Amino acid sequence: MKELSKYQCEYCHTEYREKSACEQCEKNHKVKPKIKKSIYQPYEVCNSGYPMRINIKFENGEVITYRRG
């Protein structure tokens, strides 16, 4: 009988056979995001109350904008 071991990324839950590949995956993820700005539309344009865009700032200082679909 063979014992098999796998490693799983804590962020995306992808499984790897090699520990080094899993560590590389975990280091690649940008963690600890913070909402920098939320952009809303007037009630007459969008009455859902949810933001149309959100600017997220990450640990490395980069700001990414997410748009609602």
C-alpha atoms as a PDB file:
ATOM      1  CA  MET A   1       0.000   0.000   0.000  1.00  0.00           C
ATOM      2  CA  LYS A   2       1.188   3.522  -0.823  1.00  0.00           C
ATOM      3  CA  GLU A   3       0.526   6.585   1.255  1.00  0.00           C
ATOM      4  CA  LEU A   4      -0.217   9.637  -0.867  1.00  0.00           C
ATOM      5  CA  SER A   5       0.086  13.201   0.284  1.00  0.00           C
ATOM      6  CA  LYS A   6      -1.347  16.328  -1.282  1.00  0.00           C
ATOM      7  CA  TYR A   7      -1.080  20.002  -0.505  1.00  0.00           C
ATOM      8  CA  GLN A   8      -3.978  22.442  -0.818  1.00  0.00           C
ATOM      9  CA  CYS A   9      -3.800  26.201  -1.320  1.00  0.00           C
ATOM     10  CA  GLU A  10      -5.569  27.946   1.553  1.00  0.00           C
ATOM     11  CA  TYR A  11      -6.965  30.648  -0.750  1.00  0.00           C
ATOM     12  CA  CYS A  12      -8.200  28.915  -3.932  1.00  0.00           C
ATOM     13  CA  HIS A  13      -8.290  25.327  -2.598  1.00  0.00           C
ATOM     14  CA  THR A  14      -6.374  23.909  -5.565  1.00  0.00           C
ATOM     15  CA  GLU A  15      -4.633  20.627  -4.723  1.00  0.00           C
ATOM     16  CA  TYR A  16      -0.970  19.999  -5.582  1.00  0.00           C
ATOM     17  CA  ARG A  17       1.301  16.982  -5.368  1.00  0.00           C
ATOM     18  CA  GLU A  18       4.356  19.093  -4.649  1.00  0.00           C
ATOM     19  CA  LYS A  19       4.648  21.376  -1.646  1.00  0.00           C
ATOM     20  CA  SER A  20       6.698  23.933  -3.593  1.00  0.00           C
ATOM     21  CA  ALA A  21       3.951  24.327  -6.214  1.00  0.00           C
ATOM     22  CA  CYS A  22       1.366  24.906  -3.486  1.00  0.00           C
ATOM     23  CA  GLU A  23       3.594  27.474  -1.767  1.00  0.00           C
ATOM     24  CA  GLN A  24       4.042  29.298  -5.079  1.00  0.00           C
ATOM     25  CA  CYS A  25       0.253  29.379  -5.548  1.00  0.00           C
ATOM     26  CA  GLU A  26      -0.309  30.779  -2.055  1.00  0.00           C
ATOM     27  CA  LYS A  27       2.358  33.467  -2.535  1.00  0.00           C
ATOM     28  CA  ASN A  28       0.735  34.538  -5.820  1.00  0.00           C
ATOM     29  CA  HIS A  29      -2.631  35.436  -4.262  1.00  0.00           C
ATOM     30  CA  LYS A  30      -3.137  39.069  -3.324  1.00  0.00           C
ATOM     31  CA  VAL A  31      -4.561  38.966   0.183  1.00  0.00           C
ATOM     32  CA  LYS A  32      -5.853  41.469   2.747  1.00  0.00           C
ATOM     33  CA  PRO A  33      -7.881  43.607   0.335  1.00  0.00           C
ATOM     34  CA  LYS A  34      -9.412  46.842   1.598  1.00  0.00           C
ATOM     35  CA  ILE A  35     -12.273  48.752   0.000  1.00  0.00           C
ATOM     36  CA  LYS A  36     -10.898  52.140  -0.969  1.00  0.00           C
ATOM     37  CA  LYS A  37     -13.962  53.585  -2.695  1.00  0.00           C
ATOM     38  CA  SER A  38     -17.508  52.513  -3.623  1.00  0.00           C
ATOM     39  CA  ILE A  39     -19.305  54.180  -6.531  1.00  0.00           C
ATOM     40  CA  TYR A  40     -23.110  54.239  -6.474  1.00  0.00           C
ATOM     41  CA  GLN A  41     -25.770  55.342  -8.951  1.00  0.00           C
ATOM     42  CA  PRO A  42     -28.798  57.493  -8.049  1.00  0.00           C
ATOM     43  CA  TYR A  43     -31.961  55.644  -7.037  1.00  0.00           C
ATOM     44  CA  GLU A  44     -33.641  56.582 -10.341  1.00  0.00           C
ATOM     45  CA  VAL A  45     -30.856  54.850 -12.305  1.00  0.00           C
ATOM     46  CA  CYS A  46     -30.341  51.784 -10.086  1.00  0.00           C
ATOM     47  CA  ASN A  47     -32.669  51.061  -7.182  1.00  0.00           C
ATOM     48  CA  SER A  48     -30.876  47.944  -5.915  1.00  0.00           C
ATOM     49  CA  GLY A  49     -28.709  49.965  -3.537  1.00  0.00           C
ATOM     50  CA  TYR A  50     -25.552  48.022  -4.466  1.00  0.00           C
ATOM     51  CA  PRO A  51     -22.449  49.860  -5.747  1.00  0.00           C
ATOM     52  CA  MET A  52     -21.757  49.878  -9.483  1.00  0.00           C
ATOM     53  CA  ARG A  53     -17.985  49.842  -8.916  1.00  0.00           C
ATOM     54  CA  ILE A  54     -15.687  49.143  -6.008  1.00  0.00           C
ATOM     55  CA  ASN A  55     -12.027  50.143  -5.851  1.00  0.00           C
ATOM     56  CA  ILE A  56     -10.001  47.627  -3.849  1.00  0.00           C
ATOM     57  CA  LYS A  57      -6.498  48.367  -2.528  1.00  0.00           C
ATOM     58  CA  PHE A  58      -4.163  45.428  -1.908  1.00  0.00           C
ATOM     59  CA  GLU A  59      -1.085  45.037   0.309  1.00  0.00           C
ATOM     60  CA  ASN A  60       1.267  45.844  -2.570  1.00  0.00           C
ATOM     61  CA  GLY A  61      -0.454  49.231  -3.029  1.00  0.00           C
ATOM     62  CA  GLU A  62      -2.171  48.346  -6.303  1.00  0.00           C
ATOM     63  CA  VAL A  63      -5.801  49.457  -6.656  1.00  0.00           C
ATOM     64  CA  ILE A  64      -8.147  47.294  -8.757  1.00  0.00           C
ATOM     65  CA  THR A  65     -11.650  48.308  -9.834  1.00  0.00           C
ATOM     66  CA  TYR A  66     -14.429  45.713  -9.831  1.00  0.00           C
ATOM     67  CA  ARG A  67     -17.583  46.449 -11.810  1.00  0.00           C
ATOM     68  CA  ARG A  68     -20.987  44.952 -11.262  1.00  0.00           C
ATOM     69  CA  GLY A  69     -22.216  42.940 -14.236  1.00  0.00           C
END
